[in-house]
Amino acid sequence: MQSKDAEIVRLVGRPKTCIVKESGGPDGAFDVLSPGIGFIDLPPAVGTFVTPGSFVGYLTVLRRYFHLVIPEGRHGVVTHLHVKTRKQRVEYGEPLFTVSPKAETGLSAEFARVEGETETAEDGVPEGMFGIKSPTDGIFYRRANPQSPAYVEKDAQVSSGTVLALVEVMKCFNPIVYPGEPEFPARARIVRAIPQDATEVKHGDLLFIVEPA
């Protein structure tokens, strides 16, 4: 008999792209809106840097979990959350959070520094390749449940929004989504998956090595 957690994972649907609307602020900020009616969970924290294809929460619709992602051409830093509680009910087009493109300067510099460090032999990422790291502590899963195939195998081609794996944190299954441009190639090939399936990972641990496709 499968566990309730395994059943929940099987109910994860295809990613849904969020809607955006200009907020009218002087810094070019925009609101990220819900693409459907349901319950929102795990929105990004204030200060999170988001890019096209970034995972920004779950939308639960009739017991089916959909990954929410940022649309193409949008990026910046989350400056305000409109949803205040976990599993808050939202309507179609309801604001979830606000993003400011101009607030990204400090974070993008730090991000570039970290990425520069990963492209060294010391961290196990050969020159010209890219490392995808865990955003949190948790349990790493390469597949939705023990009977399912891995999300990606060696040599698989991935692009923005492709789900690579899951990291479980307190019974919440967070998808690791390939971010794509601008910090990674638009399309890439999986060179290596680092952790074994169903093993513990820490924030910043290297999960996958990819190279431009």
C-alpha atoms as a PDB file:
ATOM      1  CA  MET A   1       0.000   0.000   0.000  1.00  0.00           C
ATOM      2  CA  GLN A   2       1.405   3.372  -0.971  1.00  0.00           C
ATOM      3  CA  SER A   3       1.794   6.103   1.639  1.00  0.00           C
ATOM      4  CA  LYS A   4      -0.245   9.285   1.606  1.00  0.00           C
ATOM      5  CA  ASP A   5       2.933  11.208   0.735  1.00  0.00           C
ATOM      6  CA  ALA A   6       3.537   9.043  -2.338  1.00  0.00           C
ATOM      7  CA  GLU A   7      -0.064   9.666  -3.422  1.00  0.00           C
ATOM      8  CA  ILE A   8       0.415  13.430  -3.091  1.00  0.00           C
ATOM      9  CA  VAL A   9       3.570  13.325  -5.204  1.00  0.00           C
ATOM     10  CA  ARG A  10       1.772  11.383  -7.944  1.00  0.00           C
ATOM     11  CA  LEU A  11      -0.781  14.181  -8.083  1.00  0.00           C
ATOM     12  CA  VAL A  12       1.791  16.813  -9.063  1.00  0.00           C
ATOM     13  CA  GLY A  13       0.694  18.235 -12.414  1.00  0.00           C
ATOM     14  CA  ARG A  14       2.531  19.968 -15.219  1.00  0.00           C
ATOM     15  CA  PRO A  15       3.968  23.422 -14.364  1.00  0.00           C
ATOM     16  CA  LYS A  16       1.667  26.415 -14.708  1.00  0.00           C
ATOM     17  CA  THR A  17       3.082  29.752 -15.811  1.00  0.00           C
ATOM     18  CA  CYS A  18       2.087  32.693 -13.640  1.00  0.00           C
ATOM     19  CA  ILE A  19       0.428  35.822 -15.009  1.00  0.00           C
ATOM     20  CA  VAL A  20       2.139  39.183 -14.499  1.00  0.00           C
ATOM     21  CA  LYS A  21       0.814  42.738 -14.325  1.00  0.00           C
ATOM     22  CA  GLU A  22       2.751  45.988 -14.077  1.00  0.00           C
ATOM     23  CA  SER A  23       2.352  47.420 -10.584  1.00  0.00           C
ATOM     24  CA  GLY A  24       2.927  51.005 -11.703  1.00  0.00           C
ATOM     25  CA  GLY A  25       5.919  51.551  -9.436  1.00  0.00           C
ATOM     26  CA  PRO A  26       8.859  53.744 -10.495  1.00  0.00           C
ATOM     27  CA  ASP A  27      11.290  50.816 -10.439  1.00  0.00           C
ATOM     28  CA  GLY A  28       9.452  48.780 -13.084  1.00  0.00           C
ATOM     29  CA  ALA A  29       8.036  46.414 -10.481  1.00  0.00           C
ATOM     30  CA  PHE A  30       5.359  43.921 -11.454  1.00  0.00           C
ATOM     31  CA  ASP A  31       2.873  41.731  -9.625  1.00  0.00           C
ATOM     32  CA  VAL A  32       2.906  37.977 -10.118  1.00  0.00           C
ATOM     33  CA  LEU A  33      -0.677  36.696 -10.352  1.00  0.00           C
ATOM     34  CA  SER A  34      -2.259  33.296  -9.865  1.00  0.00           C
ATOM     35  CA  PRO A  35      -2.931  31.426 -13.144  1.00  0.00           C
ATOM     36  CA  GLY A  36      -5.926  29.650 -11.623  1.00  0.00           C
ATOM     37  CA  ILE A  37      -8.301  29.153  -8.701  1.00  0.00           C
ATOM     38  CA  GLY A  38      -6.983  27.051  -5.844  1.00  0.00           C
ATOM     39  CA  PHE A  39      -4.764  27.101  -2.778  1.00  0.00           C
ATOM     40  CA  ILE A  40      -1.285  28.652  -2.943  1.00  0.00           C
ATOM     41  CA  ASP A  41       1.596  27.214  -0.919  1.00  0.00           C
ATOM     42  CA  LEU A  42       5.358  27.810  -0.626  1.00  0.00           C
ATOM     43  CA  PRO A  43       5.584  31.219  -2.342  1.00  0.00           C
ATOM     44  CA  PRO A  44       9.124  32.615  -2.494  1.00  0.00           C
ATOM     45  CA  ALA A  45      10.400  34.628   0.459  1.00  0.00           C
ATOM     46  CA  VAL A  46      11.001  38.371   0.235  1.00  0.00           C
ATOM     47  CA  GLY A  47      14.506  38.857  -1.169  1.00  0.00           C
ATOM     48  CA  THR A  48      14.364  35.804  -3.458  1.00  0.00           C
ATOM     49  CA  PHE A  49      15.870  36.340  -6.921  1.00  0.00           C
ATOM     50  CA  VAL A  50      13.558  34.880  -9.590  1.00  0.00           C
ATOM     51  CA  THR A  51      14.128  34.345 -13.308  1.00  0.00           C
ATOM     52  CA  PRO A  52      12.099  32.780 -16.177  1.00  0.00           C
ATOM     53  CA  GLY A  53      11.181  29.235 -15.172  1.00  0.00           C
ATOM     54  CA  SER A  54      11.919  29.768 -11.457  1.00  0.00           C
ATOM     55  CA  PHE A  55       9.730  27.669  -9.139  1.00  0.00           C
ATOM     56  CA  VAL A  56       7.587  30.090  -7.095  1.00  0.00           C
ATOM     57  CA  GLY A  57       5.152  27.825  -5.256  1.00  0.00           C
ATOM     58  CA  TYR A  58       2.396  25.271  -5.622  1.00  0.00           C
ATOM     59  CA  LEU A  59      -1.185  25.801  -6.709  1.00  0.00           C
ATOM     60  CA  THR A  60      -3.467  23.034  -5.460  1.00  0.00           C
ATOM     61  CA  VAL A  61      -6.581  22.457  -7.557  1.00  0.00           C
ATOM     62  CA  LEU A  62      -8.873  19.560  -6.596  1.00  0.00           C
ATOM     63  CA  ARG A  63      -6.036  17.676  -4.839  1.00  0.00           C
ATOM     64  CA  ARG A  64      -3.731  18.140  -7.808  1.00  0.00           C
ATOM     65  CA  TYR A  65      -0.494  20.058  -7.206  1.00  0.00           C
ATOM     66  CA  PHE A  66       0.805  22.340  -9.968  1.00  0.00           C
ATOM     67  CA  HIS A  67       4.255  23.938  -9.916  1.00  0.00           C
ATOM     68  CA  LEU A  68       4.076  27.688 -10.505  1.00  0.00           C
ATOM     69  CA  VAL A  69       6.852  29.227 -12.597  1.00  0.00           C
ATOM     70  CA  ILE A  70       7.887  32.727 -13.709  1.00  0.00           C
ATOM     71  CA  PRO A  71       7.137  33.527 -17.379  1.00  0.00           C
ATOM     72  CA  GLU A  72       9.732  34.354 -20.026  1.00  0.00           C
ATOM     73  CA  GLY A  73      11.184  37.844 -20.038  1.00  0.00           C
ATOM     74  CA  ARG A  74      10.621  38.486 -16.329  1.00  0.00           C
ATOM     75  CA  HIS A  75      13.173  38.549 -13.522  1.00  0.00           C
ATOM     76  CA  GLY A  76      14.027  40.431 -10.356  1.00  0.00           C
ATOM     77  CA  VAL A  77      13.772  40.254  -6.587  1.00  0.00           C
ATOM     78  CA  VAL A  78      10.630  39.526  -4.571  1.00  0.00           C
ATOM     79  CA  THR A  79       9.904  42.689  -2.581  1.00  0.00           C
ATOM     80  CA  HIS A  80       6.430  42.038  -1.154  1.00  0.00           C
ATOM     81  CA  LEU A  81       4.158  39.052  -0.465  1.00  0.00           C
ATOM     82  CA  HIS A  82       0.411  39.440  -0.961  1.00  0.00           C
ATOM     83  CA  VAL A  83      -0.337  35.933   0.351  1.00  0.00           C
ATOM     84  CA  LYS A  84       0.098  35.822   4.109  1.00  0.00           C
ATOM     85  CA  THR A  85      -0.595  32.212   5.104  1.00  0.00           C
ATOM     86  CA  ARG A  86       0.244  28.744   3.830  1.00  0.00           C
ATOM     87  CA  LYS A  87      -2.390  27.087   1.645  1.00  0.00           C
ATOM     88  CA  GLN A  88      -4.262  30.373   1.212  1.00  0.00           C
ATOM     89  CA  ARG A  89      -7.159  30.289  -1.239  1.00  0.00           C
ATOM     90  CA  VAL A  90      -6.620  32.475  -4.304  1.00  0.00           C
ATOM     91  CA  GLU A  91      -8.695  33.397  -7.332  1.00  0.00           C
ATOM     92  CA  TYR A  92      -7.632  33.571 -10.975  1.00  0.00           C
ATOM     93  CA  GLY A  93      -5.527  36.717 -11.456  1.00  0.00           C
ATOM     94  CA  GLU A  94      -5.130  37.387  -7.729  1.00  0.00           C
ATOM     95  CA  PRO A  95      -1.729  38.954  -6.814  1.00  0.00           C
ATOM     96  CA  LEU A  96       0.658  36.559  -5.104  1.00  0.00           C
ATOM     97  CA  PHE A  97       3.787  38.706  -4.718  1.00  0.00           C
ATOM     98  CA  THR A  98       5.582  41.723  -6.194  1.00  0.00           C
ATOM     99  CA  VAL A  99       8.918  41.582  -8.026  1.00  0.00           C
ATOM    100  CA  SER A 100      11.295  44.478  -8.689  1.00  0.00           C
ATOM    101  CA  PRO A 101      13.754  44.090 -11.583  1.00  0.00           C
ATOM    102  CA  LYS A 102      15.880  46.954 -10.266  1.00  0.00           C
ATOM    103  CA  ALA A 103      16.257  45.392  -6.834  1.00  0.00           C
ATOM    104  CA  GLU A 104      18.336  42.558  -8.268  1.00  0.00           C
ATOM    105  CA  THR A 105      21.702  44.364  -8.481  1.00  0.00           C
ATOM    106  CA  GLY A 106      23.182  43.225  -5.179  1.00  0.00           C
ATOM    107  CA  LEU A 107      21.798  39.708  -5.414  1.00  0.00           C
ATOM    108  CA  SER A 108      22.861  39.112  -8.995  1.00  0.00           C
ATOM    109  CA  ALA A 109      26.438  40.088  -8.134  1.00  0.00           C
ATOM    110  CA  GLU A 110      26.454  37.566  -5.307  1.00  0.00           C
ATOM    111  CA  PHE A 111      24.840  34.950  -7.546  1.00  0.00           C
ATOM    112  CA  ALA A 112      27.481  35.483 -10.209  1.00  0.00           C
ATOM    113  CA  ARG A 113      30.184  35.122  -7.592  1.00  0.00           C
ATOM    114  CA  VAL A 114      28.771  31.812  -6.379  1.00  0.00           C
ATOM    115  CA  GLU A 115      28.371  30.508  -9.923  1.00  0.00           C
ATOM    116  CA  GLY A 116      31.950  31.497 -10.654  1.00  0.00           C
ATOM    117  CA  GLU A 117      33.050  29.444  -7.691  1.00  0.00           C
ATOM    118  CA  THR A 118      31.118  26.366  -8.831  1.00  0.00           C
ATOM    119  CA  GLU A 119      32.933  26.328 -12.146  1.00  0.00           C
ATOM    120  CA  THR A 120      36.087  24.995 -10.534  1.00  0.00           C
ATOM    121  CA  ALA A 121      37.517  21.538 -10.117  1.00  0.00           C
ATOM    122  CA  GLU A 122      37.311  21.936  -6.327  1.00  0.00           C
ATOM    123  CA  ASP A 123      33.506  21.832  -6.416  1.00  0.00           C
ATOM    124  CA  GLY A 124      33.454  19.061  -8.980  1.00  0.00           C
ATOM    125  CA  VAL A 125      32.126  21.157 -11.880  1.00  0.00           C
ATOM    126  CA  PRO A 126      34.459  21.082 -14.903  1.00  0.00           C
ATOM    127  CA  GLU A 127      35.140  24.286 -16.778  1.00  0.00           C
ATOM    128  CA  GLY A 128      32.421  25.107 -19.286  1.00  0.00           C
ATOM    129  CA  MET A 129      29.774  23.191 -17.324  1.00  0.00           C
ATOM    130  CA  PHE A 130      27.232  24.370 -14.762  1.00  0.00           C
ATOM    131  CA  GLY A 131      26.262  23.140 -11.306  1.00  0.00           C
ATOM    132  CA  ILE A 132      22.695  23.069  -9.990  1.00  0.00           C
ATOM    133  CA  LYS A 133      22.573  23.263  -6.199  1.00  0.00           C
ATOM    134  CA  SER A 134      19.965  22.419  -3.604  1.00  0.00           C
ATOM    135  CA  PRO A 135      18.009  25.468  -2.422  1.00  0.00           C
ATOM    136  CA  THR A 136      17.365  23.906   0.988  1.00  0.00           C
ATOM    137  CA  ASP A 137      18.113  21.049   3.389  1.00  0.00           C
ATOM    138  CA  GLY A 138      15.936  17.989   2.829  1.00  0.00           C
ATOM    139  CA  ILE A 139      15.615  14.561   1.230  1.00  0.00           C
ATOM    140  CA  PHE A 140      16.516  14.349  -2.459  1.00  0.00           C
ATOM    141  CA  TYR A 141      14.253  12.282  -4.734  1.00  0.00           C
ATOM    142  CA  ARG A 142      15.007  11.602  -8.392  1.00  0.00           C
ATOM    143  CA  ARG A 143      11.503  10.263  -9.091  1.00  0.00           C
ATOM    144  CA  ALA A 144       7.905  11.052  -8.085  1.00  0.00           C
ATOM    145  CA  ASN A 145       7.464   7.666  -6.388  1.00  0.00           C
ATOM    146  CA  PRO A 146       9.348   4.342  -6.294  1.00  0.00           C
ATOM    147  CA  GLN A 147       7.404   2.996  -9.302  1.00  0.00           C
ATOM    148  CA  SER A 148       8.058   6.036 -11.520  1.00  0.00           C
ATOM    149  CA  PRO A 149      11.074   6.621 -13.771  1.00  0.00           C
ATOM    150  CA  ALA A 150      13.576   9.305 -12.813  1.00  0.00           C
ATOM    151  CA  TYR A 151      12.624  12.820 -13.860  1.00  0.00           C
ATOM    152  CA  VAL A 152      15.881  13.057 -15.836  1.00  0.00           C
ATOM    153  CA  GLU A 153      18.645  10.610 -16.715  1.00  0.00           C
ATOM    154  CA  LYS A 154      22.198  11.135 -17.916  1.00  0.00           C
ATOM    155  CA  ASP A 155      22.279  12.793 -21.373  1.00  0.00           C
ATOM    156  CA  ALA A 156      18.681  14.049 -21.035  1.00  0.00           C
ATOM    157  CA  GLN A 157      18.008  17.385 -22.728  1.00  0.00           C
ATOM    158  CA  VAL A 158      16.468  20.015 -20.437  1.00  0.00           C
ATOM    159  CA  SER A 159      15.163  23.553 -20.871  1.00  0.00           C
ATOM    160  CA  SER A 160      13.604  26.253 -18.705  1.00  0.00           C
ATOM    161  CA  GLY A 161      10.927  24.781 -16.449  1.00  0.00           C
ATOM    162  CA  THR A 162      12.026  21.124 -16.732  1.00  0.00           C
ATOM    163  CA  VAL A 163      11.603  19.370 -13.367  1.00  0.00           C
ATOM    164  CA  LEU A 164      14.860  17.610 -12.457  1.00  0.00           C
ATOM    165  CA  ALA A 165      14.079  16.163  -9.021  1.00  0.00           C
ATOM    166  CA  LEU A 166      12.285  16.802  -5.729  1.00  0.00           C
ATOM    167  CA  VAL A 167      13.596  17.850  -2.323  1.00  0.00           C
ATOM    168  CA  GLU A 168      11.299  16.975   0.563  1.00  0.00           C
ATOM    169  CA  VAL A 169      11.148  19.398   3.491  1.00  0.00           C
ATOM    170  CA  MET A 170       8.736  18.563   6.327  1.00  0.00           C
ATOM    171  CA  LYS A 171       6.466  16.522   4.021  1.00  0.00           C
ATOM    172  CA  CYS A 172       6.437  19.253   1.356  1.00  0.00           C
ATOM    173  CA  PHE A 173       7.927  18.162  -1.964  1.00  0.00           C
ATOM    174  CA  ASN A 174       9.799  21.048  -3.610  1.00  0.00           C
ATOM    175  CA  PRO A 175      10.592  20.546  -7.303  1.00  0.00           C
ATOM    176  CA  ILE A 176      14.102  21.341  -8.511  1.00  0.00           C
ATOM    177  CA  VAL A 177      13.402  23.111 -11.795  1.00  0.00           C
ATOM    178  CA  TYR A 178      15.979  23.859 -14.474  1.00  0.00           C
ATOM    179  CA  PRO A 179      16.074  27.698 -14.548  1.00  0.00           C
ATOM    180  CA  GLY A 180      17.384  28.326 -18.057  1.00  0.00           C
ATOM    181  CA  GLU A 181      18.543  31.747 -19.116  1.00  0.00           C
ATOM    182  CA  PRO A 182      20.069  34.105 -18.134  1.00  0.00           C
ATOM    183  CA  GLU A 183      22.196  32.271 -15.557  1.00  0.00           C
ATOM    184  CA  PHE A 184      22.201  28.890 -17.352  1.00  0.00           C
ATOM    185  CA  PRO A 185      22.094  27.860 -21.028  1.00  0.00           C
ATOM    186  CA  ALA A 186      18.640  27.946 -22.627  1.00  0.00           C
ATOM    187  CA  ARG A 187      19.005  24.208 -23.315  1.00  0.00           C
ATOM    188  CA  ALA A 188      21.358  21.865 -21.541  1.00  0.00           C
ATOM    189  CA  ARG A 189      22.341  18.208 -21.267  1.00  0.00           C
ATOM    190  CA  ILE A 190      22.481  16.338 -17.960  1.00  0.00           C
ATOM    191  CA  VAL A 191      26.071  15.230 -17.433  1.00  0.00           C
ATOM    192  CA  ARG A 192      25.711  13.789 -13.958  1.00  0.00           C
ATOM    193  CA  ALA A 193      23.258  13.500 -11.041  1.00  0.00           C
ATOM    194  CA  ILE A 194      25.274  13.757  -7.824  1.00  0.00           C
ATOM    195  CA  PRO A 195      23.171  12.491  -4.847  1.00  0.00           C
ATOM    196  CA  GLN A 196      21.701   9.026  -4.683  1.00  0.00           C
ATOM    197  CA  ASP A 197      17.912   8.774  -4.733  1.00  0.00           C
ATOM    198  CA  ALA A 198      16.178   9.257  -1.347  1.00  0.00           C
ATOM    199  CA  THR A 199      19.278  10.621   0.396  1.00  0.00           C
ATOM    200  CA  GLU A 200      19.749  13.699   2.565  1.00  0.00           C
ATOM    201  CA  VAL A 201      21.104  16.900   1.032  1.00  0.00           C
ATOM    202  CA  LYS A 202      22.057  20.251   2.533  1.00  0.00           C
ATOM    203  CA  HIS A 203      21.497  23.772   1.299  1.00  0.00           C
ATOM    204  CA  GLY A 204      24.065  24.503  -1.404  1.00  0.00           C
ATOM    205  CA  ASP A 205      24.896  20.848  -2.116  1.00  0.00           C
ATOM    206  CA  LEU A 206      25.580  20.115  -5.766  1.00  0.00           C
ATOM    207  CA  LEU A 207      22.706  18.115  -7.278  1.00  0.00           C
ATOM    208  CA  PHE A 208      23.347  18.056 -11.024  1.00  0.00           C
ATOM    209  CA  ILE A 209      26.083  18.958 -13.479  1.00  0.00           C
ATOM    210  CA  VAL A 210      24.898  20.137 -16.900  1.00  0.00           C
ATOM    211  CA  GLU A 211      26.537  21.397 -20.049  1.00  0.00           C
ATOM    212  CA  PRO A 212      25.160  23.435 -22.970  1.00  0.00           C
ATOM    213  CA  ALA A 213      23.175  21.249 -25.348  1.00  0.00           C
END
